[in-house]
Amino acid sequence: MKHEFSGIKRIFVAFKNSFDGFVYAFREEEAFRQDLLLSLILFITALFLPVLVVERVLLISSIFFVLFAELVNSAIEACIDRISSEWHILSKASKDIGSLIVLLSFVNLIFVWIMVCKKFF
């Protein structure tokens, strides 16, 4: 599929598409809104923790990884729902794997935060 635009216009179109994706996810996906709220709290916390720069990068990266995983999961679910509303083993597997991606991202977030913040306990 060839893109309609090139150069700087393509960058602006891509940014608009990304913004539209954010708006859709925010409006339609409760889990994304919840993750976004948690991310905001953790992001602010990460900014003020007395940690090394590399530790702060790890903390913040783990936050973005959760948001990334939630968006991937939402995209998978949207594709499956677009294809068919009928139950199918592969549809279930796709949605379950998308859910697993989110779970693993949370496990990663918890692990990173515990390892970085353990010196405070």
PDB file of N, CA and C in Angstrom:
ATOM      1  N   MET A   1       0.832  -1.176   0.000  1.00  0.00           N
ATOM      2  CA  MET A   1       0.000   0.000   0.000  1.00  0.00           C
ATOM      3  C   MET A   1       0.883   1.248   0.000  1.00  0.00           C
ATOM      4  N   LYS A   2       0.732   2.081  -0.985  1.00  0.00           N
ATOM      5  CA  LYS A   2       1.535   3.292  -1.117  1.00  0.00           C
ATOM      6  C   LYS A   2       0.902   4.423  -0.318  1.00  0.00           C
ATOM      7  N   HIS A   3       1.751   5.195   0.342  1.00  0.00           N
ATOM      8  CA  HIS A   3       1.270   6.330   1.127  1.00  0.00           C
ATOM      9  C   HIS A   3       0.909   7.490   0.211  1.00  0.00           C
ATOM     10  N   GLU A   4      -0.133   8.218   0.587  1.00  0.00           N
ATOM     11  CA  GLU A   4      -0.568   9.381  -0.195  1.00  0.00           C
ATOM     12  C   GLU A   4       0.405  10.541  -0.088  1.00  0.00           C
ATOM     13  N   PHE A   5       1.026  10.669   1.071  1.00  0.00           N
ATOM     14  CA  PHE A   5       1.847  11.834   1.343  1.00  0.00           C
ATOM     15  C   PHE A   5       3.302  11.435   1.513  1.00  0.00           C
ATOM     16  N   SER A   6       4.179  12.415   1.351  1.00  0.00           N
ATOM     17  CA  SER A   6       5.596  12.177   1.596  1.00  0.00           C
ATOM     18  C   SER A   6       6.175  13.402   2.291  1.00  0.00           C
ATOM     19  N   GLY A   7       7.390  13.237   2.768  1.00  0.00           N
ATOM     20  CA  GLY A   7       8.072  14.345   3.421  1.00  0.00           C
ATOM     21  C   GLY A   7       7.413  14.770   4.715  1.00  0.00           C
ATOM     22  N   ILE A   8       7.450  16.056   4.966  1.00  0.00           N
ATOM     23  CA  ILE A   8       6.955  16.613   6.214  1.00  0.00           C
ATOM     24  C   ILE A   8       5.441  16.431   6.361  1.00  0.00           C
ATOM     25  N   LYS A   9       4.721  16.467   5.243  1.00  0.00           N
ATOM     26  CA  LYS A   9       3.265  16.269   5.297  1.00  0.00           C
ATOM     27  C   LYS A   9       2.940  14.877   5.833  1.00  0.00           C
ATOM     28  N   ARG A  10       3.721  13.886   5.440  1.00  0.00           N
ATOM     29  CA  ARG A  10       3.502  12.519   5.917  1.00  0.00           C
ATOM     30  C   ARG A  10       3.696  12.448   7.431  1.00  0.00           C
ATOM     31  N   ILE A  11       4.668  13.175   7.945  1.00  0.00           N
ATOM     32  CA  ILE A  11       4.911  13.201   9.388  1.00  0.00           C
ATOM     33  C   ILE A  11       3.707  13.804  10.116  1.00  0.00           C
ATOM     34  N   PHE A  12       3.165  14.892   9.587  1.00  0.00           N
ATOM     35  CA  PHE A  12       2.000  15.521  10.216  1.00  0.00           C
ATOM     36  C   PHE A  12       0.776  14.615  10.145  1.00  0.00           C
ATOM     37  N   VAL A  13       0.585  13.940   9.034  1.00  0.00           N
ATOM     38  CA  VAL A  13      -0.542  13.000   8.897  1.00  0.00           C
ATOM     39  C   VAL A  13      -0.378  11.847   9.884  1.00  0.00           C
ATOM     40  N   ALA A  14       0.838  11.334  10.009  1.00  0.00           N
ATOM     41  CA  ALA A  14       1.100  10.245  10.949  1.00  0.00           C
ATOM     42  C   ALA A  14       0.830  10.705  12.380  1.00  0.00           C
ATOM     43  N   PHE A  15       1.229  11.927  12.710  1.00  0.00           N
ATOM     44  CA  PHE A  15       0.972  12.464  14.047  1.00  0.00           C
ATOM     45  C   PHE A  15      -0.528  12.585  14.300  1.00  0.00           C
ATOM     46  N   LYS A  16      -1.279  13.056  13.307  1.00  0.00           N
ATOM     47  CA  LYS A  16      -2.730  13.180  13.452  1.00  0.00           C
ATOM     48  C   LYS A  16      -3.361  11.804  13.652  1.00  0.00           C
ATOM     49  N   ASN A  17      -2.901  10.811  12.891  1.00  0.00           N
ATOM     50  CA  ASN A  17      -3.417   9.454  13.055  1.00  0.00           C
ATOM     51  C   ASN A  17      -3.116   8.917  14.453  1.00  0.00           C
ATOM     52  N   SER A  18      -1.933   9.190  14.950  1.00  0.00           N
ATOM     53  CA  SER A  18      -1.572   8.765  16.303  1.00  0.00           C
ATOM     54  C   SER A  18      -2.458   9.447  17.338  1.00  0.00           C
ATOM     55  N   PHE A  19      -2.696  10.730  17.157  1.00  0.00           N
ATOM     56  CA  PHE A  19      -3.575  11.469  18.071  1.00  0.00           C
ATOM     57  C   PHE A  19      -4.986  10.900  18.028  1.00  0.00           C
ATOM     58  N   ASP A  20      -5.480  10.590  16.820  1.00  0.00           N
ATOM     59  CA  ASP A  20      -6.809   9.981  16.679  1.00  0.00           C
ATOM     60  C   ASP A  20      -6.865   8.639  17.413  1.00  0.00           C
ATOM     61  N   GLY A  21      -5.779   7.870  17.339  1.00  0.00           N
ATOM     62  CA  GLY A  21      -5.711   6.600  18.052  1.00  0.00           C
ATOM     63  C   GLY A  21      -5.767   6.801  19.552  1.00  0.00           C
ATOM     64  N   PHE A  22      -5.065   7.820  20.037  1.00  0.00           N
ATOM     65  CA  PHE A  22      -5.103   8.130  21.473  1.00  0.00           C
ATOM     66  C   PHE A  22      -6.513   8.522  21.900  1.00  0.00           C
ATOM     67  N   VAL A  23      -7.159   9.378  21.129  1.00  0.00           N
ATOM     68  CA  VAL A  23      -8.520   9.815  21.459  1.00  0.00           C
ATOM     69  C   VAL A  23      -9.465   8.620  21.484  1.00  0.00           C
ATOM     70  N   TYR A  24      -9.372   7.753  20.487  1.00  0.00           N
ATOM     71  CA  TYR A  24     -10.228   6.570  20.444  1.00  0.00           C
ATOM     72  C   TYR A  24      -9.994   5.688  21.671  1.00  0.00           C
ATOM     73  N   ALA A  25      -8.734   5.405  21.962  1.00  0.00           N
ATOM     74  CA  ALA A  25      -8.412   4.547  23.101  1.00  0.00           C
ATOM     75  C   ALA A  25      -8.908   5.168  24.403  1.00  0.00           C
ATOM     76  N   PHE A  26      -8.748   6.472  24.549  1.00  0.00           N
ATOM     77  CA  PHE A  26      -9.183   7.152  25.766  1.00  0.00           C
ATOM     78  C   PHE A  26     -10.697   7.100  25.913  1.00  0.00           C
ATOM     79  N   ARG A  27     -11.403   7.310  24.805  1.00  0.00           N
ATOM     80  CA  ARG A  27     -12.878   7.311  24.849  1.00  0.00           C
ATOM     81  C   ARG A  27     -13.473   5.919  25.022  1.00  0.00           C
ATOM     82  N   GLU A  28     -12.898   4.936  24.352  1.00  0.00           N
ATOM     83  CA  GLU A  28     -13.530   3.625  24.238  1.00  0.00           C
ATOM     84  C   GLU A  28     -12.958   2.543  25.156  1.00  0.00           C
ATOM     85  N   GLU A  29     -11.764   2.727  25.667  1.00  0.00           N
ATOM     86  CA  GLU A  29     -11.097   1.673  26.428  1.00  0.00           C
ATOM     87  C   GLU A  29     -10.916   2.084  27.886  1.00  0.00           C
ATOM     88  N   GLU A  30     -11.776   1.541  28.747  1.00  0.00           N
ATOM     89  CA  GLU A  30     -11.693   1.864  30.174  1.00  0.00           C
ATOM     90  C   GLU A  30     -10.347   1.447  30.757  1.00  0.00           C
ATOM     91  N   ALA A  31      -9.850   0.288  30.357  1.00  0.00           N
ATOM     92  CA  ALA A  31      -8.564  -0.189  30.864  1.00  0.00           C
ATOM     93  C   ALA A  31      -7.450   0.804  30.514  1.00  0.00           C
ATOM     94  N   PHE A  32      -7.500   1.397  29.332  1.00  0.00           N
ATOM     95  CA  PHE A  32      -6.492   2.377  28.945  1.00  0.00           C
ATOM     96  C   PHE A  32      -6.578   3.613  29.833  1.00  0.00           C
ATOM     97  N   ARG A  33      -7.792   4.067  30.115  1.00  0.00           N
ATOM     98  CA  ARG A  33      -7.950   5.222  31.007  1.00  0.00           C
ATOM     99  C   ARG A  33      -7.389   4.920  32.397  1.00  0.00           C
ATOM    100  N   GLN A  34      -7.655   3.719  32.898  1.00  0.00           N
ATOM    101  CA  GLN A  34      -7.136   3.331  34.210  1.00  0.00           C
ATOM    102  C   GLN A  34      -5.608   3.270  34.187  1.00  0.00           C
ATOM    103  N   ASP A  35      -5.059   2.667  33.139  1.00  0.00           N
ATOM    104  CA  ASP A  35      -3.603   2.597  33.014  1.00  0.00           C
ATOM    105  C   ASP A  35      -2.985   3.981  32.889  1.00  0.00           C
ATOM    106  N   LEU A  36      -3.675   4.867  32.192  1.00  0.00           N
ATOM    107  CA  LEU A  36      -3.177   6.232  32.024  1.00  0.00           C
ATOM    108  C   LEU A  36      -3.137   6.966  33.364  1.00  0.00           C
ATOM    109  N   LEU A  37      -4.159   6.795  34.181  1.00  0.00           N
ATOM    110  CA  LEU A  37      -4.182   7.421  35.504  1.00  0.00           C
ATOM    111  C   LEU A  37      -3.050   6.876  36.366  1.00  0.00           C
ATOM    112  N   LEU A  38      -2.903   5.552  36.400  1.00  0.00           N
ATOM    113  CA  LEU A  38      -1.808   4.947  37.156  1.00  0.00           C
ATOM    114  C   LEU A  38      -0.458   5.436  36.628  1.00  0.00           C
ATOM    115  N   SER A  39      -0.338   5.539  35.319  1.00  0.00           N
ATOM    116  CA  SER A  39       0.910   5.994  34.705  1.00  0.00           C
ATOM    117  C   SER A  39       1.245   7.416  35.107  1.00  0.00           C
ATOM    118  N   LEU A  40       0.248   8.263  35.144  1.00  0.00           N
ATOM    119  CA  LEU A  40       0.473   9.657  35.542  1.00  0.00           C
ATOM    120  C   LEU A  40       0.986   9.729  36.979  1.00  0.00           C
ATOM    121  N   ILE A  41       0.359   8.964  37.865  1.00  0.00           N
ATOM    122  CA  ILE A  41       0.789   8.938  39.265  1.00  0.00           C
ATOM    123  C   ILE A  41       2.221   8.422  39.382  1.00  0.00           C
ATOM    124  N   LEU A  42       2.503   7.320  38.709  1.00  0.00           N
ATOM    125  CA  LEU A  42       3.850   6.737  38.773  1.00  0.00           C
ATOM    126  C   LEU A  42       4.890   7.633  38.105  1.00  0.00           C
ATOM    127  N   PHE A  43       4.510   8.293  37.010  1.00  0.00           N
ATOM    128  CA  PHE A  43       5.437   9.180  36.309  1.00  0.00           C
ATOM    129  C   PHE A  43       5.855  10.339  37.208  1.00  0.00           C
ATOM    130  N   ILE A  44       4.881  10.951  37.851  1.00  0.00           N
ATOM    131  CA  ILE A  44       5.190  12.062  38.768  1.00  0.00           C
ATOM    132  C   ILE A  44       6.059  11.563  39.917  1.00  0.00           C
ATOM    133  N   THR A  45       5.713  10.392  40.440  1.00  0.00           N
ATOM    134  CA  THR A  45       6.522   9.796  41.509  1.00  0.00           C
ATOM    135  C   THR A  45       7.955   9.570  41.041  1.00  0.00           C
ATOM    136  N   ALA A  46       8.108   9.026  39.836  1.00  0.00           N
ATOM    137  CA  ALA A  46       9.446   8.746  39.301  1.00  0.00           C
ATOM    138  C   ALA A  46      10.279  10.012  39.147  1.00  0.00           C
ATOM    139  N   LEU A  47       9.625  11.110  38.816  1.00  0.00           N
ATOM    140  CA  LEU A  47      10.351  12.365  38.641  1.00  0.00           C
ATOM    141  C   LEU A  47      10.944  12.877  39.945  1.00  0.00           C
ATOM    142  N   PHE A  48      10.281  12.586  41.062  1.00  0.00           N
ATOM    143  CA  PHE A  48      10.711  13.140  42.341  1.00  0.00           C
ATOM    144  C   PHE A  48      11.480  12.162  43.224  1.00  0.00           C
ATOM    145  N   LEU A  49      11.591  10.911  42.825  1.00  0.00           N
ATOM    146  CA  LEU A  49      12.364   9.958  43.613  1.00  0.00           C
ATOM    147  C   LEU A  49      13.855  10.282  43.521  1.00  0.00           C
ATOM    148  N   PRO A  50      14.557  10.174  44.636  1.00  0.00           N
ATOM    149  CA  PRO A  50      16.007  10.435  44.619  1.00  0.00           C
ATOM    150  C   PRO A  50      16.775   9.212  44.096  1.00  0.00           C
ATOM    151  N   VAL A  51      16.732   9.031  42.781  1.00  0.00           N
ATOM    152  CA  VAL A  51      17.380   7.876  42.149  1.00  0.00           C
ATOM    153  C   VAL A  51      18.319   8.363  41.057  1.00  0.00           C
ATOM    154  N   LEU A  52      19.164   7.456  40.603  1.00  0.00           N
ATOM    155  CA  LEU A  52      20.071   7.773  39.495  1.00  0.00           C
ATOM    156  C   LEU A  52      19.276   7.983  38.207  1.00  0.00           C
ATOM    157  N   VAL A  53      19.870   8.659  37.266  1.00  0.00           N
ATOM    158  CA  VAL A  53      19.204   8.920  35.985  1.00  0.00           C
ATOM    159  C   VAL A  53      18.815   7.614  35.299  1.00  0.00           C
ATOM    160  N   VAL A  54      19.714   6.647  35.289  1.00  0.00           N
ATOM    161  CA  VAL A  54      19.421   5.375  34.628  1.00  0.00           C
ATOM    162  C   VAL A  54      18.261   4.664  35.326  1.00  0.00           C
ATOM    163  N   GLU A  55      18.170   4.785  36.635  1.00  0.00           N
ATOM    164  CA  GLU A  55      17.049   4.185  37.366  1.00  0.00           C
ATOM    165  C   GLU A  55      15.738   4.883  37.020  1.00  0.00           C
ATOM    166  N   ARG A  56      15.788   6.197  36.920  1.00  0.00           N
ATOM    167  CA  ARG A  56      14.594   6.965  36.543  1.00  0.00           C
ATOM    168  C   ARG A  56      14.134   6.567  35.134  1.00  0.00           C
ATOM    169  N   VAL A  57      15.080   6.368  34.242  1.00  0.00           N
ATOM    170  CA  VAL A  57      14.753   5.932  32.874  1.00  0.00           C
ATOM    171  C   VAL A  57      14.072   4.564  32.907  1.00  0.00           C
ATOM    172  N   LEU A  58      14.578   3.660  33.722  1.00  0.00           N
ATOM    173  CA  LEU A  58      13.959   2.342  33.848  1.00  0.00           C
ATOM    174  C   LEU A  58      12.542   2.446  34.404  1.00  0.00           C
ATOM    175  N   LEU A  59      12.354   3.261  35.425  1.00  0.00           N
ATOM    176  CA  LEU A  59      11.021   3.433  36.008  1.00  0.00           C
ATOM    177  C   LEU A  59      10.038   3.960  34.967  1.00  0.00           C
ATOM    178  N   ILE A  60      10.438   5.007  34.281  1.00  0.00           N
ATOM    179  CA  ILE A  60       9.545   5.639  33.295  1.00  0.00           C
ATOM    180  C   ILE A  60       9.336   4.726  32.090  1.00  0.00           C
ATOM    181  N   SER A  61      10.363   4.022  31.662  1.00  0.00           N
ATOM    182  CA  SER A  61      10.214   3.095  30.535  1.00  0.00           C
ATOM    183  C   SER A  61       9.224   1.982  30.861  1.00  0.00           C
ATOM    184  N   SER A  62       9.258   1.502  32.087  1.00  0.00           N
ATOM    185  CA  SER A  62       8.323   0.438  32.471  1.00  0.00           C
ATOM    186  C   SER A  62       6.878   0.950  32.450  1.00  0.00           C
ATOM    187  N   ILE A  63       6.688   2.220  32.728  1.00  0.00           N
ATOM    188  CA  ILE A  63       5.353   2.831  32.653  1.00  0.00           C
ATOM    189  C   ILE A  63       4.879   2.863  31.204  1.00  0.00           C
ATOM    190  N   PHE A  64       5.745   3.341  30.316  1.00  0.00           N
ATOM    191  CA  PHE A  64       5.365   3.417  28.903  1.00  0.00           C
ATOM    192  C   PHE A  64       5.126   2.028  28.313  1.00  0.00           C
ATOM    193  N   PHE A  65       5.856   1.036  28.809  1.00  0.00           N
ATOM    194  CA  PHE A  65       5.673  -0.332  28.330  1.00  0.00           C
ATOM    195  C   PHE A  65       4.265  -0.832  28.638  1.00  0.00           C
ATOM    196  N   VAL A  66       3.733  -0.485  29.809  1.00  0.00           N
ATOM    197  CA  VAL A  66       2.353  -0.865  30.155  1.00  0.00           C
ATOM    198  C   VAL A  66       1.368  -0.204  29.194  1.00  0.00           C
ATOM    199  N   LEU A  67       1.542   1.085  28.930  1.00  0.00           N
ATOM    200  CA  LEU A  67       0.634   1.785  28.000  1.00  0.00           C
ATOM    201  C   LEU A  67       0.738   1.184  26.604  1.00  0.00           C
ATOM    202  N   PHE A  68       1.958   0.902  26.177  1.00  0.00           N
ATOM    203  CA  PHE A  68       2.177   0.276  24.875  1.00  0.00           C
ATOM    204  C   PHE A  68       1.446  -1.061  24.799  1.00  0.00           C
ATOM    205  N   ALA A  69       1.601  -1.880  25.829  1.00  0.00           N
ATOM    206  CA  ALA A  69       0.964  -3.202  25.847  1.00  0.00           C
ATOM    207  C   ALA A  69      -0.557  -3.080  25.825  1.00  0.00           C
ATOM    208  N   GLU A  70      -1.091  -2.137  26.573  1.00  0.00           N
ATOM    209  CA  GLU A  70      -2.552  -1.953  26.601  1.00  0.00           C
ATOM    210  C   GLU A  70      -3.067  -1.533  25.222  1.00  0.00           C
ATOM    211  N   LEU A  71      -2.326  -0.684  24.539  1.00  0.00           N
ATOM    212  CA  LEU A  71      -2.738  -0.257  23.200  1.00  0.00           C
ATOM    213  C   LEU A  71      -2.639  -1.402  22.193  1.00  0.00           C
ATOM    214  N   VAL A  72      -1.604  -2.222  22.296  1.00  0.00           N
ATOM    215  CA  VAL A  72      -1.484  -3.392  21.424  1.00  0.00           C
ATOM    216  C   VAL A  72      -2.657  -4.337  21.670  1.00  0.00           C
ATOM    217  N   ASN A  73      -2.972  -4.558  22.937  1.00  0.00           N
ATOM    218  CA  ASN A  73      -4.100  -5.426  23.275  1.00  0.00           C
ATOM    219  C   ASN A  73      -5.406  -4.864  22.704  1.00  0.00           C
ATOM    220  N   SER A  74      -5.610  -3.569  22.833  1.00  0.00           N
ATOM    221  CA  SER A  74      -6.829  -2.944  22.298  1.00  0.00           C
ATOM    222  C   SER A  74      -6.891  -3.065  20.776  1.00  0.00           C
ATOM    223  N   ALA A  75      -5.744  -2.919  20.120  1.00  0.00           N
ATOM    224  CA  ALA A  75      -5.707  -3.054  18.658  1.00  0.00           C
ATOM    225  C   ALA A  75      -6.033  -4.480  18.233  1.00  0.00           C
ATOM    226  N   ILE A  76      -5.500  -5.451  18.943  1.00  0.00           N
ATOM    227  CA  ILE A  76      -5.802  -6.857  18.645  1.00  0.00           C
ATOM    228  C   ILE A  76      -7.295  -7.110  18.810  1.00  0.00           C
ATOM    229  N   GLU A  77      -7.850  -6.646  19.927  1.00  0.00           N
ATOM    230  CA  GLU A  77      -9.280  -6.852  20.176  1.00  0.00           C
ATOM    231  C   GLU A  77     -10.133  -6.185  19.100  1.00  0.00           C
ATOM    232  N   ALA A  78      -9.758  -4.973  18.695  1.00  0.00           N
ATOM    233  CA  ALA A  78     -10.518  -4.278  17.655  1.00  0.00           C
ATOM    234  C   ALA A  78     -10.477  -5.046  16.338  1.00  0.00           C
ATOM    235  N   CYS A  79      -9.313  -5.571  15.983  1.00  0.00           N
ATOM    236  CA  CYS A  79      -9.196  -6.356  14.746  1.00  0.00           C
ATOM    237  C   CYS A  79     -10.058  -7.607  14.800  1.00  0.00           C
ATOM    238  N   ILE A  80     -10.004  -8.306  15.915  1.00  0.00           N
ATOM    239  CA  ILE A  80     -10.795  -9.529  16.059  1.00  0.00           C
ATOM    240  C   ILE A  80     -12.283  -9.207  15.998  1.00  0.00           C
ATOM    241  N   ASP A  81     -12.697  -8.156  16.705  1.00  0.00           N
ATOM    242  CA  ASP A  81     -14.113  -7.768  16.698  1.00  0.00           C
ATOM    243  C   ASP A  81     -14.560  -7.305  15.314  1.00  0.00           C
ATOM    244  N   ARG A  82     -13.665  -6.705  14.556  1.00  0.00           N
ATOM    245  CA  ARG A  82     -13.980  -6.253  13.192  1.00  0.00           C
ATOM    246  C   ARG A  82     -14.204  -7.442  12.263  1.00  0.00           C
ATOM    247  N   ILE A  83     -13.420  -8.486  12.472  1.00  0.00           N
ATOM    248  CA  ILE A  83     -13.513  -9.673  11.618  1.00  0.00           C
ATOM    249  C   ILE A  83     -14.830 -10.397  11.840  1.00  0.00           C
ATOM    250  N   SER A  84     -15.174 -10.636  13.126  1.00  0.00           N
ATOM    251  CA  SER A  84     -16.401 -11.374  13.406  1.00  0.00           C
ATOM    252  C   SER A  84     -16.734 -11.272  14.886  1.00  0.00           C
ATOM    253  N   SER A  85     -18.025 -11.263  15.172  1.00  0.00           N
ATOM    254  CA  SER A  85     -18.462 -11.291  16.565  1.00  0.00           C
ATOM    255  C   SER A  85     -18.715 -12.720  17.037  1.00  0.00           C
ATOM    256  N   GLU A  86     -18.596 -13.673  16.121  1.00  0.00           N
ATOM    257  CA  GLU A  86     -18.787 -15.076  16.478  1.00  0.00           C
ATOM    258  C   GLU A  86     -17.585 -15.588  17.264  1.00  0.00           C
ATOM    259  N   TRP A  87     -17.854 -16.532  18.212  1.00  0.00           N
ATOM    260  CA  TRP A  87     -16.780 -17.119  18.983  1.00  0.00           C
ATOM    261  C   TRP A  87     -15.964 -18.049  18.086  1.00  0.00           C
ATOM    262  N   HIS A  88     -14.649 -17.940  18.217  1.00  0.00           N
ATOM    263  CA  HIS A  88     -13.746 -18.833  17.492  1.00  0.00           C
ATOM    264  C   HIS A  88     -12.508 -19.037  18.362  1.00  0.00           C
ATOM    265  N   ILE A  89     -11.960 -20.221  18.344  1.00  0.00           N
ATOM    266  CA  ILE A  89     -10.804 -20.545  19.172  1.00  0.00           C
ATOM    267  C   ILE A  89      -9.621 -19.623  18.884  1.00  0.00           C
ATOM    268  N   LEU A  90      -9.414 -19.254  17.623  1.00  0.00           N
ATOM    269  CA  LEU A  90      -8.294 -18.363  17.283  1.00  0.00           C
ATOM    270  C   LEU A  90      -8.558 -16.929  17.735  1.00  0.00           C
ATOM    271  N   SER A  91      -9.825 -16.515  17.695  1.00  0.00           N
ATOM    272  CA  SER A  91     -10.166 -15.190  18.221  1.00  0.00           C
ATOM    273  C   SER A  91      -9.899 -15.143  19.716  1.00  0.00           C
ATOM    274  N   LYS A  92     -10.323 -16.196  20.413  1.00  0.00           N
ATOM    275  CA  LYS A  92     -10.070 -16.273  21.858  1.00  0.00           C
ATOM    276  C   LYS A  92      -8.576 -16.279  22.133  1.00  0.00           C
ATOM    277  N   ALA A  93      -7.833 -17.079  21.389  1.00  0.00           N
ATOM    278  CA  ALA A  93      -6.383 -17.149  21.594  1.00  0.00           C
ATOM    279  C   ALA A  93      -5.729 -15.780  21.383  1.00  0.00           C
ATOM    280  N   SER A  94      -6.142 -15.070  20.333  1.00  0.00           N
ATOM    281  CA  SER A  94      -5.574 -13.745  20.056  1.00  0.00           C
ATOM    282  C   SER A  94      -5.849 -12.775  21.201  1.00  0.00           C
ATOM    283  N   LYS A  95      -7.088 -12.772  21.663  1.00  0.00           N
ATOM    284  CA  LYS A  95      -7.444 -11.863  22.762  1.00  0.00           C
ATOM    285  C   LYS A  95      -6.740 -12.266  24.058  1.00  0.00           C
ATOM    286  N   ASP A  96      -6.635 -13.561  24.311  1.00  0.00           N
ATOM    287  CA  ASP A  96      -5.945 -14.024  25.516  1.00  0.00           C
ATOM    288  C   ASP A  96      -4.460 -13.668  25.477  1.00  0.00           C
ATOM    289  N   ILE A  97      -3.846 -13.800  24.321  1.00  0.00           N
ATOM    290  CA  ILE A  97      -2.434 -13.449  24.188  1.00  0.00           C
ATOM    291  C   ILE A  97      -2.247 -11.939  24.357  1.00  0.00           C
ATOM    292  N   GLY A  98      -3.165 -11.146  23.812  1.00  0.00           N
ATOM    293  CA  GLY A  98      -3.122  -9.699  24.027  1.00  0.00           C
ATOM    294  C   GLY A  98      -3.209  -9.356  25.505  1.00  0.00           C
ATOM    295  N   SER A  99      -4.075 -10.061  26.207  1.00  0.00           N
ATOM    296  CA  SER A  99      -4.206  -9.862  27.647  1.00  0.00           C
ATOM    297  C   SER A  99      -2.916 -10.259  28.367  1.00  0.00           C
ATOM    298  N   LEU A 100      -2.286 -11.325  27.917  1.00  0.00           N
ATOM    299  CA  LEU A 100      -1.023 -11.765  28.501  1.00  0.00           C
ATOM    300  C   LEU A 100       0.070 -10.704  28.308  1.00  0.00           C
ATOM    301  N   ILE A 101       0.076 -10.058  27.164  1.00  0.00           N
ATOM    302  CA  ILE A 101       1.045  -8.979  26.911  1.00  0.00           C
ATOM    303  C   ILE A 101       0.907  -7.906  27.981  1.00  0.00           C
ATOM    304  N   VAL A 102      -0.331  -7.525  28.290  1.00  0.00           N
ATOM    305  CA  VAL A 102      -0.569  -6.510  29.321  1.00  0.00           C
ATOM    306  C   VAL A 102      -0.107  -7.020  30.686  1.00  0.00           C
ATOM    307  N   LEU A 103      -0.457  -8.258  31.012  1.00  0.00           N
ATOM    308  CA  LEU A 103      -0.044  -8.824  32.297  1.00  0.00           C
ATOM    309  C   LEU A 103       1.476  -8.818  32.441  1.00  0.00           C
ATOM    310  N   LEU A 104       2.174  -9.252  31.406  1.00  0.00           N
ATOM    311  CA  LEU A 104       3.638  -9.281  31.470  1.00  0.00           C
ATOM    312  C   LEU A 104       4.226  -7.880  31.610  1.00  0.00           C
ATOM    313  N   SER A 105       3.594  -6.907  30.985  1.00  0.00           N
ATOM    314  CA  SER A 105       4.092  -5.535  31.121  1.00  0.00           C
ATOM    315  C   SER A 105       3.925  -5.041  32.560  1.00  0.00           C
ATOM    316  N   PHE A 106       2.831  -5.448  33.221  1.00  0.00           N
ATOM    317  CA  PHE A 106       2.644  -5.088  34.625  1.00  0.00           C
ATOM    318  C   PHE A 106       3.643  -5.822  35.524  1.00  0.00           C
ATOM    319  N   VAL A 107       3.906  -7.081  35.222  1.00  0.00           N
ATOM    320  CA  VAL A 107       4.917  -7.828  35.983  1.00  0.00           C
ATOM    321  C   VAL A 107       6.263  -7.126  35.853  1.00  0.00           C
ATOM    322  N   ASN A 108       6.597  -6.698  34.641  1.00  0.00           N
ATOM    323  CA  ASN A 108       7.837  -5.968  34.403  1.00  0.00           C
ATOM    324  C   ASN A 108       7.855  -4.670  35.203  1.00  0.00           C
ATOM    325  N   LEU A 109       6.757  -3.919  35.170  1.00  0.00           N
ATOM    326  CA  LEU A 109       6.680  -2.658  35.905  1.00  0.00           C
ATOM    327  C   LEU A 109       6.907  -2.895  37.401  1.00  0.00           C
ATOM    328  N   ILE A 110       6.223  -3.877  37.955  1.00  0.00           N
ATOM    329  CA  ILE A 110       6.361  -4.172  39.387  1.00  0.00           C
ATOM    330  C   ILE A 110       7.797  -4.577  39.719  1.00  0.00           C
ATOM    331  N   PHE A 111       8.367  -5.434  38.897  1.00  0.00           N
ATOM    332  CA  PHE A 111       9.746  -5.876  39.118  1.00  0.00           C
ATOM    333  C   PHE A 111      10.715  -4.699  39.090  1.00  0.00           C
ATOM    334  N   VAL A 112      10.617  -3.861  38.072  1.00  0.00           N
ATOM    335  CA  VAL A 112      11.523  -2.711  37.951  1.00  0.00           C
ATOM    336  C   VAL A 112      11.360  -1.773  39.142  1.00  0.00           C
ATOM    337  N   TRP A 113      10.130  -1.454  39.501  1.00  0.00           N
ATOM    338  CA  TRP A 113       9.894  -0.533  40.612  1.00  0.00           C
ATOM    339  C   TRP A 113      10.390  -1.114  41.926  1.00  0.00           C
ATOM    340  N   ILE A 114      10.205  -2.403  42.158  1.00  0.00           N
ATOM    341  CA  ILE A 114      10.702  -3.023  43.390  1.00  0.00           C
ATOM    342  C   ILE A 114      12.231  -2.980  43.420  1.00  0.00           C
ATOM    343  N   MET A 115      12.860  -3.337  42.309  1.00  0.00           N
ATOM    344  CA  MET A 115      14.330  -3.374  42.275  1.00  0.00           C
ATOM    345  C   MET A 115      14.928  -1.984  42.461  1.00  0.00           C
ATOM    346  N   VAL A 116      14.315  -0.976  41.880  1.00  0.00           N
ATOM    347  CA  VAL A 116      14.850   0.377  42.001  1.00  0.00           C
ATOM    348  C   VAL A 116      14.543   0.965  43.383  1.00  0.00           C
ATOM    349  N   CYS A 117      13.362   0.692  43.889  1.00  0.00           N
ATOM    350  CA  CYS A 117      12.922   1.330  45.135  1.00  0.00           C
ATOM    351  C   CYS A 117      13.244   0.541  46.391  1.00  0.00           C
ATOM    352  N   LYS A 118      13.842  -0.640  46.261  1.00  0.00           N
ATOM    353  CA  LYS A 118      14.116  -1.464  47.443  1.00  0.00           C
ATOM    354  C   LYS A 118      15.082  -0.782  48.401  1.00  0.00           C
ATOM    355  N   LYS A 119      15.896   0.127  47.917  1.00  0.00           N
ATOM    356  CA  LYS A 119      16.857   0.812  48.792  1.00  0.00           C
ATOM    357  C   LYS A 119      16.160   1.779  49.759  1.00  0.00           C
ATOM    358  N   PHE A 120      14.871   2.055  49.517  1.00  0.00           N
ATOM    359  CA  PHE A 120      14.136   2.956  50.401  1.00  0.00           C
ATOM    360  C   PHE A 120      13.478   2.215  51.565  1.00  0.00           C
ATOM    361  N   PHE A 121      13.589   0.895  51.583  1.00  0.00           N
ATOM    362  CA  PHE A 121      12.924   0.094  52.628  1.00  0.00           C
ATOM    363  C   PHE A 121      13.921  -0.544  53.566  1.00  0.00           C
TER     364      PHE A 121
END
